[in-house]
Amino acid sequence: MSQLNDLLSSLAGQPTFPGCRCKFRHHLFDEAAPGEDPETVSQRHAQALGLCQHCPALTRCHDWYWSLPPSKRPPGVVAGRVNSPTNERN
């Protein structure tokens, strides 16, 4: 039950921006799944970054992303960048 509460809490903080190109395409933007082939992850993320590049909501998404504390920034492709826990430590 706590995992469900964590998930719902996480989703409650996710914004929705009109015209965003990631809508209904979360599978491209998600972080690597355990055991997922790195080449597959790379290809997914390349597609996601391409969508971000021409997204009308990129500026708002970018501003939202950087307004979050590093520990609250979602992993995967967000605001035209690949976010991973190791990126946030640098």
PDB file of N, CA and C in Angstrom:
ATOM      1  N   MET A   1       0.823  -1.202   0.000  1.00  0.00           N
ATOM      2  CA  MET A   1       0.000   0.000   0.000  1.00  0.00           C
ATOM      3  C   MET A   1       0.865   1.262   0.000  1.00  0.00           C
ATOM      4  N   SER A   2       2.028   1.209   0.683  1.00  0.00           N
ATOM      5  CA  SER A   2       2.869   2.407   0.716  1.00  0.00           C
ATOM      6  C   SER A   2       3.435   2.720  -0.671  1.00  0.00           C
ATOM      7  N   GLN A   3       3.702   1.686  -1.497  1.00  0.00           N
ATOM      8  CA  GLN A   3       4.183   1.936  -2.852  1.00  0.00           C
ATOM      9  C   GLN A   3       3.122   2.669  -3.670  1.00  0.00           C
ATOM     10  N   LEU A   4       1.875   2.272  -3.507  1.00  0.00           N
ATOM     11  CA  LEU A   4       0.789   2.945  -4.211  1.00  0.00           C
ATOM     12  C   LEU A   4       0.691   4.394  -3.759  1.00  0.00           C
ATOM     13  N   ASN A   5       0.788   4.631  -2.485  1.00  0.00           N
ATOM     14  CA  ASN A   5       0.735   6.003  -1.975  1.00  0.00           C
ATOM     15  C   ASN A   5       1.903   6.827  -2.491  1.00  0.00           C
ATOM     16  N   ASP A   6       3.096   6.228  -2.546  1.00  0.00           N
ATOM     17  CA  ASP A   6       4.261   6.928  -3.091  1.00  0.00           C
ATOM     18  C   ASP A   6       4.044   7.291  -4.554  1.00  0.00           C
ATOM     19  N   LEU A   7       3.493   6.349  -5.322  1.00  0.00           N
ATOM     20  CA  LEU A   7       3.236   6.595  -6.738  1.00  0.00           C
ATOM     21  C   LEU A   7       2.203   7.707  -6.918  1.00  0.00           C
ATOM     22  N   LEU A   8       1.121   7.634  -6.194  1.00  0.00           N
ATOM     23  CA  LEU A   8       0.076   8.660  -6.308  1.00  0.00           C
ATOM     24  C   LEU A   8       0.588  10.020  -5.883  1.00  0.00           C
ATOM     25  N   SER A   9       1.392  10.046  -4.865  1.00  0.00           N
ATOM     26  CA  SER A   9       1.973  11.299  -4.407  1.00  0.00           C
ATOM     27  C   SER A   9       2.904  11.879  -5.466  1.00  0.00           C
ATOM     28  N   SER A  10       3.681  11.021  -6.085  1.00  0.00           N
ATOM     29  CA  SER A  10       4.592  11.446  -7.143  1.00  0.00           C
ATOM     30  C   SER A  10       3.831  12.007  -8.336  1.00  0.00           C
ATOM     31  N   LEU A  11       2.794  11.321  -8.748  1.00  0.00           N
ATOM     32  CA  LEU A  11       2.010  11.761  -9.907  1.00  0.00           C
ATOM     33  C   LEU A  11       1.276  13.060  -9.639  1.00  0.00           C
ATOM     34  N   ALA A  12       0.891  13.282  -8.409  1.00  0.00           N
ATOM     35  CA  ALA A  12       0.167  14.504  -8.069  1.00  0.00           C
ATOM     36  C   ALA A  12       1.023  15.738  -8.323  1.00  0.00           C
ATOM     37  N   GLY A  13       2.347  15.597  -8.240  1.00  0.00           N
ATOM     38  CA  GLY A  13       3.235  16.727  -8.450  1.00  0.00           C
ATOM     39  C   GLY A  13       3.653  16.933  -9.885  1.00  0.00           C
ATOM     40  N   GLN A  14       3.252  16.065 -10.788  1.00  0.00           N
ATOM     41  CA  GLN A  14       3.643  16.172 -12.187  1.00  0.00           C
ATOM     42  C   GLN A  14       2.720  17.157 -12.906  1.00  0.00           C
ATOM     43  N   PRO A  15       3.301  18.146 -13.547  1.00  0.00           N
ATOM     44  CA  PRO A  15       2.463  19.117 -14.253  1.00  0.00           C
ATOM     45  C   PRO A  15       1.979  18.561 -15.593  1.00  0.00           C
ATOM     46  N   THR A  16       0.963  19.163 -16.111  1.00  0.00           N
ATOM     47  CA  THR A  16       0.531  18.874 -17.478  1.00  0.00           C
ATOM     48  C   THR A  16       0.540  20.209 -18.218  1.00  0.00           C
ATOM     49  N   PHE A  17       1.253  20.243 -19.304  1.00  0.00           N
ATOM     50  CA  PHE A  17       1.368  21.471 -20.079  1.00  0.00           C
ATOM     51  C   PHE A  17       0.630  21.292 -21.396  1.00  0.00           C
ATOM     52  N   PRO A  18      -0.223  22.249 -21.762  1.00  0.00           N
ATOM     53  CA  PRO A  18      -0.925  22.151 -23.041  1.00  0.00           C
ATOM     54  C   PRO A  18       0.058  22.020 -24.193  1.00  0.00           C
ATOM     55  N   GLY A  19      -0.221  21.074 -25.072  1.00  0.00           N
ATOM     56  CA  GLY A  19       0.596  20.877 -26.258  1.00  0.00           C
ATOM     57  C   GLY A  19       1.854  20.061 -26.042  1.00  0.00           C
ATOM     58  N   CYS A  20       2.059  19.553 -24.826  1.00  0.00           N
ATOM     59  CA  CYS A  20       3.305  18.814 -24.573  1.00  0.00           C
ATOM     60  C   CYS A  20       3.357  17.552 -25.436  1.00  0.00           C
ATOM     61  N   ARG A  21       4.523  17.270 -25.960  1.00  0.00           N
ATOM     62  CA  ARG A  21       4.697  16.140 -26.870  1.00  0.00           C
ATOM     63  C   ARG A  21       4.930  14.811 -26.156  1.00  0.00           C
ATOM     64  N   CYS A  22       5.117  14.869 -24.849  1.00  0.00           N
ATOM     65  CA  CYS A  22       5.358  13.630 -24.095  1.00  0.00           C
ATOM     66  C   CYS A  22       4.054  12.942 -23.690  1.00  0.00           C
ATOM     67  N   LYS A  23       2.960  13.645 -23.782  1.00  0.00           N
ATOM     68  CA  LYS A  23       1.680  13.084 -23.341  1.00  0.00           C
ATOM     69  C   LYS A  23       1.382  11.771 -24.077  1.00  0.00           C
ATOM     70  N   PHE A  24       1.077  10.758 -23.296  1.00  0.00           N
ATOM     71  CA  PHE A  24       0.775   9.401 -23.773  1.00  0.00           C
ATOM     72  C   PHE A  24       1.988   8.685 -24.370  1.00  0.00           C
ATOM     73  N   ARG A  25       3.183   9.219 -24.132  1.00  0.00           N
ATOM     74  CA  ARG A  25       4.404   8.593 -24.659  1.00  0.00           C
ATOM     75  C   ARG A  25       5.422   8.353 -23.541  1.00  0.00           C
ATOM     76  N   HIS A  26       4.947   8.182 -22.326  1.00  0.00           N
ATOM     77  CA  HIS A  26       5.846   8.055 -21.186  1.00  0.00           C
ATOM     78  C   HIS A  26       6.873   6.951 -21.371  1.00  0.00           C
ATOM     79  N   HIS A  27       6.532   5.913 -22.128  1.00  0.00           N
ATOM     80  CA  HIS A  27       7.461   4.798 -22.330  1.00  0.00           C
ATOM     81  C   HIS A  27       8.772   5.245 -22.966  1.00  0.00           C
ATOM     82  N   LEU A  28       8.747   6.314 -23.735  1.00  0.00           N
ATOM     83  CA  LEU A  28       9.971   6.821 -24.338  1.00  0.00           C
ATOM     84  C   LEU A  28      10.818   7.599 -23.332  1.00  0.00           C
ATOM     85  N   PHE A  29      10.165   8.218 -22.373  1.00  0.00           N
ATOM     86  CA  PHE A  29      10.811   9.145 -21.449  1.00  0.00           C
ATOM     87  C   PHE A  29      11.256   8.492 -20.146  1.00  0.00           C
ATOM     88  N   ASP A  30      10.732   7.322 -19.843  1.00  0.00           N
ATOM     89  CA  ASP A  30      11.035   6.654 -18.578  1.00  0.00           C
ATOM     90  C   ASP A  30      12.511   6.315 -18.455  1.00  0.00           C
ATOM     91  N   GLU A  31      12.965   6.239 -17.210  1.00  0.00           N
ATOM     92  CA  GLU A  31      14.339   5.806 -16.962  1.00  0.00           C
ATOM     93  C   GLU A  31      14.482   4.342 -17.365  1.00  0.00           C
ATOM     94  N   ALA A  32      15.695   3.871 -17.429  1.00  0.00           N
ATOM     95  CA  ALA A  32      15.958   2.476 -17.792  1.00  0.00           C
ATOM     96  C   ALA A  32      15.326   1.536 -16.772  1.00  0.00           C
ATOM     97  N   ALA A  33      14.666   0.531 -17.267  1.00  0.00           N
ATOM     98  CA  ALA A  33      14.101  -0.503 -16.402  1.00  0.00           C
ATOM     99  C   ALA A  33      15.210  -1.466 -16.004  1.00  0.00           C
ATOM    100  N   PRO A  34      15.101  -2.090 -14.847  1.00  0.00           N
ATOM    101  CA  PRO A  34      16.124  -3.064 -14.456  1.00  0.00           C
ATOM    102  C   PRO A  34      16.301  -4.131 -15.535  1.00  0.00           C
ATOM    103  N   GLY A  35      17.523  -4.330 -15.970  1.00  0.00           N
ATOM    104  CA  GLY A  35      17.823  -5.341 -16.978  1.00  0.00           C
ATOM    105  C   GLY A  35      17.539  -4.919 -18.404  1.00  0.00           C
ATOM    106  N   GLU A  36      17.038  -3.700 -18.609  1.00  0.00           N
ATOM    107  CA  GLU A  36      16.746  -3.246 -19.970  1.00  0.00           C
ATOM    108  C   GLU A  36      18.047  -3.035 -20.740  1.00  0.00           C
ATOM    109  N   ASP A  37      18.059  -3.464 -21.974  1.00  0.00           N
ATOM    110  CA  ASP A  37      19.234  -3.338 -22.833  1.00  0.00           C
ATOM    111  C   ASP A  37      19.611  -1.861 -22.980  1.00  0.00           C
ATOM    112  N   PRO A  38      20.854  -1.494 -22.716  1.00  0.00           N
ATOM    113  CA  PRO A  38      21.276  -0.095 -22.823  1.00  0.00           C
ATOM    114  C   PRO A  38      21.036   0.513 -24.205  1.00  0.00           C
ATOM    115  N   GLU A  39      21.158  -0.279 -25.246  1.00  0.00           N
ATOM    116  CA  GLU A  39      20.902   0.231 -26.601  1.00  0.00           C
ATOM    117  C   GLU A  39      19.431   0.607 -26.762  1.00  0.00           C
ATOM    118  N   THR A  40      18.551  -0.190 -26.199  1.00  0.00           N
ATOM    119  CA  THR A  40      17.114   0.116 -26.242  1.00  0.00           C
ATOM    120  C   THR A  40      16.824   1.415 -25.493  1.00  0.00           C
ATOM    121  N   VAL A  41      17.432   1.566 -24.333  1.00  0.00           N
ATOM    122  CA  VAL A  41      17.258   2.795 -23.544  1.00  0.00           C
ATOM    123  C   VAL A  41      17.757   3.991 -24.344  1.00  0.00           C
ATOM    124  N   SER A  42      18.908   3.858 -24.940  1.00  0.00           N
ATOM    125  CA  SER A  42      19.486   4.934 -25.730  1.00  0.00           C
ATOM    126  C   SER A  42      18.569   5.335 -26.889  1.00  0.00           C
ATOM    127  N   GLN A  43      18.016   4.359 -27.575  1.00  0.00           N
ATOM    128  CA  GLN A  43      17.109   4.645 -28.691  1.00  0.00           C
ATOM    129  C   GLN A  43      15.828   5.324 -28.212  1.00  0.00           C
ATOM    130  N   ARG A  44      15.259   4.831 -27.095  1.00  0.00           N
ATOM    131  CA  ARG A  44      14.043   5.457 -26.542  1.00  0.00           C
ATOM    132  C   ARG A  44      14.312   6.908 -26.180  1.00  0.00           C
ATOM    133  N   HIS A  45      15.425   7.104 -25.474  1.00  0.00           N
ATOM    134  CA  HIS A  45      15.739   8.454 -25.017  1.00  0.00           C
ATOM    135  C   HIS A  45      16.056   9.387 -26.185  1.00  0.00           C
ATOM    136  N   ALA A  46      16.662   8.887 -27.236  1.00  0.00           N
ATOM    137  CA  ALA A  46      16.908   9.715 -28.421  1.00  0.00           C
ATOM    138  C   ALA A  46      15.584  10.174 -29.032  1.00  0.00           C
ATOM    139  N   GLN A  47      14.604   9.276 -29.086  1.00  0.00           N
ATOM    140  CA  GLN A  47      13.279   9.659 -29.598  1.00  0.00           C
ATOM    141  C   GLN A  47      12.645  10.705 -28.695  1.00  0.00           C
ATOM    142  N   ALA A  48      12.755  10.495 -27.389  1.00  0.00           N
ATOM    143  CA  ALA A  48      12.171  11.441 -26.433  1.00  0.00           C
ATOM    144  C   ALA A  48      12.827  12.812 -26.550  1.00  0.00           C
ATOM    145  N   LEU A  49      14.148  12.832 -26.646  1.00  0.00           N
ATOM    146  CA  LEU A  49      14.851  14.109 -26.777  1.00  0.00           C
ATOM    147  C   LEU A  49      14.462  14.827 -28.060  1.00  0.00           C
ATOM    148  N   GLY A  50      14.230  14.076 -29.126  1.00  0.00           N
ATOM    149  CA  GLY A  50      13.761  14.674 -30.374  1.00  0.00           C
ATOM    150  C   GLY A  50      12.390  15.311 -30.219  1.00  0.00           C
ATOM    151  N   LEU A  51      11.512  14.660 -29.478  1.00  0.00           N
ATOM    152  CA  LEU A  51      10.193  15.236 -29.217  1.00  0.00           C
ATOM    153  C   LEU A  51      10.314  16.500 -28.373  1.00  0.00           C
ATOM    154  N   CYS A  52      11.187  16.465 -27.366  1.00  0.00           N
ATOM    155  CA  CYS A  52      11.387  17.644 -26.512  1.00  0.00           C
ATOM    156  C   CYS A  52      11.896  18.836 -27.323  1.00  0.00           C
ATOM    157  N   GLN A  53      12.796  18.560 -28.242  1.00  0.00           N
ATOM    158  CA  GLN A  53      13.440  19.627 -29.000  1.00  0.00           C
ATOM    159  C   GLN A  53      12.427  20.540 -29.698  1.00  0.00           C
ATOM    160  N   HIS A  54      11.314  19.976 -30.133  1.00  0.00           N
ATOM    161  CA  HIS A  54      10.315  20.760 -30.867  1.00  0.00           C
ATOM    162  C   HIS A  54       9.014  20.922 -30.084  1.00  0.00           C
ATOM    163  N   CYS A  55       9.073  20.717 -28.788  1.00  0.00           N
ATOM    164  CA  CYS A  55       7.863  20.764 -27.966  1.00  0.00           C
ATOM    165  C   CYS A  55       7.496  22.203 -27.612  1.00  0.00           C
ATOM    166  N   PRO A  56       6.231  22.580 -27.808  1.00  0.00           N
ATOM    167  CA  PRO A  56       5.817  23.935 -27.458  1.00  0.00           C
ATOM    168  C   PRO A  56       5.818  24.192 -25.949  1.00  0.00           C
ATOM    169  N   ALA A  57       5.894  23.148 -25.154  1.00  0.00           N
ATOM    170  CA  ALA A  57       5.882  23.304 -23.696  1.00  0.00           C
ATOM    171  C   ALA A  57       7.275  23.219 -23.081  1.00  0.00           C
ATOM    172  N   LEU A  58       8.322  23.166 -23.902  1.00  0.00           N
ATOM    173  CA  LEU A  58       9.667  22.937 -23.382  1.00  0.00           C
ATOM    174  C   LEU A  58      10.087  23.990 -22.357  1.00  0.00           C
ATOM    175  N   THR A  59       9.839  25.239 -22.619  1.00  0.00           N
ATOM    176  CA  THR A  59      10.254  26.301 -21.690  1.00  0.00           C
ATOM    177  C   THR A  59       9.561  26.138 -20.340  1.00  0.00           C
ATOM    178  N   ARG A  60       8.267  25.883 -20.350  1.00  0.00           N
ATOM    179  CA  ARG A  60       7.534  25.696 -19.081  1.00  0.00           C
ATOM    180  C   ARG A  60       8.015  24.445 -18.360  1.00  0.00           C
ATOM    181  N   CYS A  61       8.271  23.390 -19.117  1.00  0.00           N
ATOM    182  CA  CYS A  61       8.759  22.144 -18.535  1.00  0.00           C
ATOM    183  C   CYS A  61      10.141  22.364 -17.913  1.00  0.00           C
ATOM    184  N   HIS A  62      11.001  23.042 -18.631  1.00  0.00           N
ATOM    185  CA  HIS A  62      12.344  23.356 -18.148  1.00  0.00           C
ATOM    186  C   HIS A  62      12.269  24.156 -16.842  1.00  0.00           C
ATOM    187  N   ASP A  63      11.438  25.181 -16.830  1.00  0.00           N
ATOM    188  CA  ASP A  63      11.293  26.003 -15.624  1.00  0.00           C
ATOM    189  C   ASP A  63      10.781  25.178 -14.454  1.00  0.00           C
ATOM    190  N   TRP A  64       9.807  24.305 -14.712  1.00  0.00           N
ATOM    191  CA  TRP A  64       9.275  23.430 -13.654  1.00  0.00           C
ATOM    192  C   TRP A  64      10.370  22.504 -13.135  1.00  0.00           C
ATOM    193  N   TYR A  65      11.097  21.867 -14.045  1.00  0.00           N
ATOM    194  CA  TYR A  65      12.143  20.925 -13.668  1.00  0.00           C
ATOM    195  C   TYR A  65      13.163  21.584 -12.747  1.00  0.00           C
ATOM    196  N   TRP A  66      13.656  22.746 -13.132  1.00  0.00           N
ATOM    197  CA  TRP A  66      14.690  23.407 -12.341  1.00  0.00           C
ATOM    198  C   TRP A  66      14.143  24.031 -11.066  1.00  0.00           C
ATOM    199  N   SER A  67      12.830  24.149 -10.936  1.00  0.00           N
ATOM    200  CA  SER A  67      12.244  24.664  -9.685  1.00  0.00           C
ATOM    201  C   SER A  67      12.204  23.589  -8.599  1.00  0.00           C
ATOM    202  N   LEU A  68      12.365  22.335  -8.999  1.00  0.00           N
ATOM    203  CA  LEU A  68      12.322  21.229  -8.047  1.00  0.00           C
ATOM    204  C   LEU A  68      13.668  21.043  -7.359  1.00  0.00           C
ATOM    205  N   PRO A  69      13.651  20.627  -6.085  1.00  0.00           N
ATOM    206  CA  PRO A  69      14.924  20.248  -5.469  1.00  0.00           C
ATOM    207  C   PRO A  69      15.471  19.020  -6.195  1.00  0.00           C
ATOM    208  N   PRO A  70      16.783  18.885  -6.298  1.00  0.00           N
ATOM    209  CA  PRO A  70      17.360  17.752  -7.030  1.00  0.00           C
ATOM    210  C   PRO A  70      16.783  16.396  -6.629  1.00  0.00           C
ATOM    211  N   SER A  71      16.485  16.204  -5.386  1.00  0.00           N
ATOM    212  CA  SER A  71      15.960  14.908  -4.933  1.00  0.00           C
ATOM    213  C   SER A  71      14.548  14.635  -5.435  1.00  0.00           C
ATOM    214  N   LYS A  72      13.856  15.654  -5.919  1.00  0.00           N
ATOM    215  CA  LYS A  72      12.475  15.497  -6.403  1.00  0.00           C
ATOM    216  C   LYS A  72      12.368  15.493  -7.923  1.00  0.00           C
ATOM    217  N   ARG A  73      13.483  15.682  -8.600  1.00  0.00           N
ATOM    218  CA  ARG A  73      13.460  15.702 -10.061  1.00  0.00           C
ATOM    219  C   ARG A  73      13.280  14.286 -10.583  1.00  0.00           C
ATOM    220  N   PRO A  74      12.314  14.085 -11.477  1.00  0.00           N
ATOM    221  CA  PRO A  74      12.042  12.736 -11.969  1.00  0.00           C
ATOM    222  C   PRO A  74      13.169  12.218 -12.863  1.00  0.00           C
ATOM    223  N   PRO A  75      13.419  10.921 -12.790  1.00  0.00           N
ATOM    224  CA  PRO A  75      14.441  10.325 -13.650  1.00  0.00           C
ATOM    225  C   PRO A  75      13.912  10.097 -15.065  1.00  0.00           C
ATOM    226  N   GLY A  76      14.825   9.901 -15.991  1.00  0.00           N
ATOM    227  CA  GLY A  76      14.457   9.693 -17.385  1.00  0.00           C
ATOM    228  C   GLY A  76      14.650  10.983 -18.153  1.00  0.00           C
ATOM    229  N   VAL A  77      13.977  11.104 -19.277  1.00  0.00           N
ATOM    230  CA  VAL A  77      14.075  12.315 -20.087  1.00  0.00           C
ATOM    231  C   VAL A  77      13.031  13.305 -19.598  1.00  0.00           C
ATOM    232  N   VAL A  78      13.516  14.479 -19.203  1.00  0.00           N
ATOM    233  CA  VAL A  78      12.642  15.541 -18.701  1.00  0.00           C
ATOM    234  C   VAL A  78      13.205  16.873 -19.176  1.00  0.00           C
ATOM    235  N   ALA A  79      12.358  17.698 -19.732  1.00  0.00           N
ATOM    236  CA  ALA A  79      12.742  19.056 -20.134  1.00  0.00           C
ATOM    237  C   ALA A  79      13.935  19.072 -21.090  1.00  0.00           C
ATOM    238  N   GLY A  80      13.978  18.105 -21.980  1.00  0.00           N
ATOM    239  CA  GLY A  80      15.021  18.079 -22.988  1.00  0.00           C
ATOM    240  C   GLY A  80      16.371  17.591 -22.509  1.00  0.00           C
ATOM    241  N   ARG A  81      16.383  16.880 -21.395  1.00  0.00           N
ATOM    242  CA  ARG A  81      17.644  16.336 -20.879  1.00  0.00           C
ATOM    243  C   ARG A  81      17.388  14.976 -20.262  1.00  0.00           C
ATOM    244  N   VAL A  82      18.437  14.181 -20.184  1.00  0.00           N
ATOM    245  CA  VAL A  82      18.336  12.878 -19.527  1.00  0.00           C
ATOM    246  C   VAL A  82      18.760  13.068 -18.082  1.00  0.00           C
ATOM    247  N   ASN A  83      17.839  12.788 -17.179  1.00  0.00           N
ATOM    248  CA  ASN A  83      18.103  12.939 -15.761  1.00  0.00           C
ATOM    249  C   ASN A  83      18.313  11.569 -15.134  1.00  0.00           C
ATOM    250  N   SER A  84      19.397  11.440 -14.415  1.00  0.00           N
ATOM    251  CA  SER A  84      19.633  10.225 -13.642  1.00  0.00           C
ATOM    252  C   SER A  84      20.186  10.659 -12.294  1.00  0.00           C
ATOM    253  N   PRO A  85      20.080   9.826 -11.277  1.00  0.00           N
ATOM    254  CA  PRO A  85      20.593  10.190  -9.955  1.00  0.00           C
ATOM    255  C   PRO A  85      22.067  10.607  -9.996  1.00  0.00           C
ATOM    256  N   THR A  86      22.865  10.021 -10.872  1.00  0.00           N
ATOM    257  CA  THR A  86      24.279  10.402 -10.938  1.00  0.00           C
ATOM    258  C   THR A  86      24.452  11.807 -11.499  1.00  0.00           C
ATOM    259  N   ASN A  87      23.561  12.248 -12.393  1.00  0.00           N
ATOM    260  CA  ASN A  87      23.625  13.612 -12.912  1.00  0.00           C
ATOM    261  C   ASN A  87      23.418  14.627 -11.791  1.00  0.00           C
ATOM    262  N   GLU A  88      22.521  14.310 -10.882  1.00  0.00           N
ATOM    263  CA  GLU A  88      22.157  15.263  -9.840  1.00  0.00           C
ATOM    264  C   GLU A  88      23.235  15.411  -8.776  1.00  0.00           C
ATOM    265  N   ARG A  89      24.144  14.449  -8.689  1.00  0.00           N
ATOM    266  CA  ARG A  89      25.204  14.547  -7.694  1.00  0.00           C
ATOM    267  C   ARG A  89      26.351  15.425  -8.168  1.00  0.00           C
ATOM    268  N   ASN A  90      26.392  15.682  -9.461  1.00  0.00           N
ATOM    269  CA  ASN A  90      27.510  16.477 -10.016  1.00  0.00           C
ATOM    270  C   ASN A  90      27.262  17.950  -9.854  1.00  0.00           C
TER     271      ASN A  90
END
